[in-house]
Structures are given as C-alpha cells and as structure tokens.
Amino acid sequence: MCRACGTAISREDAVFSAAEGGAVGVYANPGGWLRRVVTVRWAENLRLVGEPTEEFTWFPGFAWRVAECGGCGQHLGWRYDATGAGAAFYGLLVAAVARG
C-alpha cells in the first residue's frame, strides 16, 4: 500500500525477481541518487506519467515511466514495459510502500 495515504497498490504474492540480485535491488539514477526498489508483476491504483522511455533504464529490454499513487499522487516507482518479448512489471520504491 502507499505509505503516504494507505491506498492499496500490490500484494506480496506479486513480488518476483526481475534481475539476478533478487526481487529487491539498489539502483542509481543519472544524478547519483540510490533507489531501493522491489519488483512486482502486478499493481493497481497507480497513475502513469509520461511516455515510456528506454533512456537510463535499469532493466535492459524494458522502457519505463513514472508511477504515482492514484490516491495521493506520491511517486511510488515505475512501470516497465517490454520493448520486445516479455511482460510488463513495476518497480516500487521500498521507502514509499508498506505491507497492507
């Protein structure tokens, strides 16, 4: 759920490993900010912002766009859409979500 407002976002059974390091990883953005991210196959109540881009993607073969809480607008992470074969998934900021 969104840590800021309590809106339901995903479930623990949606967590999966999108990278070799496991379901939770630490990634750096171009500005050097570190983000701790958990990957999930499914999410709801998110508002997607902008068009998908492959620029600076943490997951090769996937384009990302920002995902905000549909309840309060808090930045919760990103949606990753496959640029070829593969299913979309979400990378949620560990600091922005909580177990419900």
Protein backbone atom coordinates (compact mmCIF):
# COMPACT_ATOMS: atom_id res chain seq x y z
CA MET A 1 0.00 0.00 0.00
CA CYS A 2 1.03 3.63 -0.40
CA ARG A 3 2.91 4.64 2.74
CA ALA A 4 1.58 8.21 2.45
CA CYS A 5 -2.17 7.58 2.14
CA GLY A 6 -2.84 3.83 2.54
CA THR A 7 -4.16 3.20 -0.98
CA ALA A 8 -3.83 -0.48 -1.99
CA ILE A 9 -1.06 -0.90 -4.60
CA SER A 10 0.09 -4.54 -4.82
CA ARG A 11 0.34 -7.80 -2.89
CA GLU A 12 3.26 -9.86 -1.61
CA ASP A 13 2.37 -12.72 -3.97
CA ALA A 14 3.13 -10.36 -6.91
CA VAL A 15 6.79 -9.92 -5.88
CA PHE A 16 9.28 -11.53 -8.27
CA SER A 17 12.91 -11.24 -9.26
CA ALA A 18 13.43 -9.14 -12.41
CA ALA A 19 17.22 -9.11 -12.00
CA GLU A 20 19.92 -11.53 -10.89
CA GLY A 21 20.21 -9.91 -7.46
CA GLY A 22 16.68 -10.80 -6.39
CA ALA A 23 13.35 -9.03 -6.03
CA VAL A 24 14.83 -6.07 -4.12
CA GLY A 25 17.73 -4.14 -5.56
CA VAL A 26 19.50 -0.81 -5.18
CA TYR A 27 19.81 1.23 -8.37
CA ALA A 28 21.43 4.59 -9.12
CA ASN A 29 19.77 7.20 -11.32
CA PRO A 30 21.82 9.52 -13.58
CA GLY A 31 22.04 12.07 -10.77
CA GLY A 32 23.66 9.50 -8.48
CA TRP A 33 20.64 9.06 -6.20
CA LEU A 34 20.29 5.49 -4.95
CA ARG A 35 16.83 3.93 -5.04
CA ARG A 36 15.89 0.70 -3.26
CA VAL A 37 13.30 -0.98 -5.47
CA VAL A 38 11.13 -4.09 -5.19
CA THR A 39 9.83 -5.61 -8.43
CA VAL A 40 6.23 -6.83 -8.71
CA ARG A 41 4.30 -8.41 -11.57
CA TRP A 42 1.05 -6.64 -10.75
CA ALA A 43 -0.07 -3.32 -9.28
CA GLU A 44 -3.27 -1.26 -9.13
CA ASN A 45 -4.36 2.28 -8.26
CA LEU A 46 -1.36 3.83 -9.97
CA ARG A 47 -1.31 6.83 -12.31
CA LEU A 48 1.31 6.51 -15.05
CA VAL A 49 3.12 9.69 -16.08
CA GLY A 50 4.67 10.39 -19.48
CA GLU A 51 5.58 8.11 -22.33
CA PRO A 52 7.76 5.01 -21.83
CA THR A 53 11.48 5.60 -22.41
CA GLU A 54 14.49 3.31 -22.54
CA GLU A 55 16.82 6.13 -21.51
CA PHE A 56 18.75 5.19 -18.35
CA THR A 57 16.64 2.05 -17.83
CA TRP A 58 17.73 -0.27 -15.03
CA PHE A 59 16.28 -3.25 -16.87
CA PRO A 60 17.60 -3.73 -20.44
CA GLY A 61 14.79 -4.56 -22.87
CA PHE A 62 12.27 -2.54 -20.86
CA ALA A 63 11.10 1.06 -21.18
CA TRP A 64 9.98 2.85 -18.03
CA ARG A 65 7.62 5.60 -16.98
CA VAL A 66 6.88 7.10 -13.59
CA ALA A 67 4.10 5.57 -11.47
CA GLU A 68 2.32 7.74 -8.90
CA CYS A 69 -0.24 6.76 -6.28
CA GLY A 70 -3.72 7.20 -7.72
CA GLY A 71 -4.93 8.27 -4.30
CA CYS A 72 -2.49 11.00 -3.31
CA GLY A 73 -0.05 11.49 -6.21
CA GLN A 74 3.03 10.31 -4.28
CA HIS A 75 5.82 8.97 -6.53
CA LEU A 76 5.79 5.21 -5.85
CA GLY A 77 8.06 3.92 -8.59
CA TRP A 78 7.95 2.97 -12.26
CA ARG A 79 6.16 0.73 -14.72
CA TYR A 80 8.46 -1.24 -17.05
CA ASP A 81 7.06 -2.18 -20.47
CA ALA A 82 8.87 -4.76 -22.61
CA THR A 83 10.31 -3.35 -25.83
CA GLY A 84 10.28 -6.85 -27.32
CA ALA A 85 9.07 -10.11 -25.81
CA GLY A 86 8.22 -10.08 -22.12
CA ALA A 87 5.56 -8.95 -19.71
CA ALA A 88 5.31 -5.53 -18.10
CA PHE A 89 6.15 -5.17 -14.41
CA TYR A 90 6.53 -2.49 -11.74
CA GLY A 91 9.49 -1.32 -9.71
CA LEU A 92 8.19 0.13 -6.44
CA LEU A 93 10.24 2.29 -4.11
CA VAL A 94 10.66 0.34 -0.88
CA ALA A 95 10.55 3.60 1.11
CA ALA A 96 7.23 4.62 -0.49
CA VAL A 97 5.20 1.42 0.02
CA ALA A 98 4.21 -0.60 3.06
CA ARG A 99 2.70 -4.02 3.70
CA GLY A 100 -1.04 -3.85 4.00
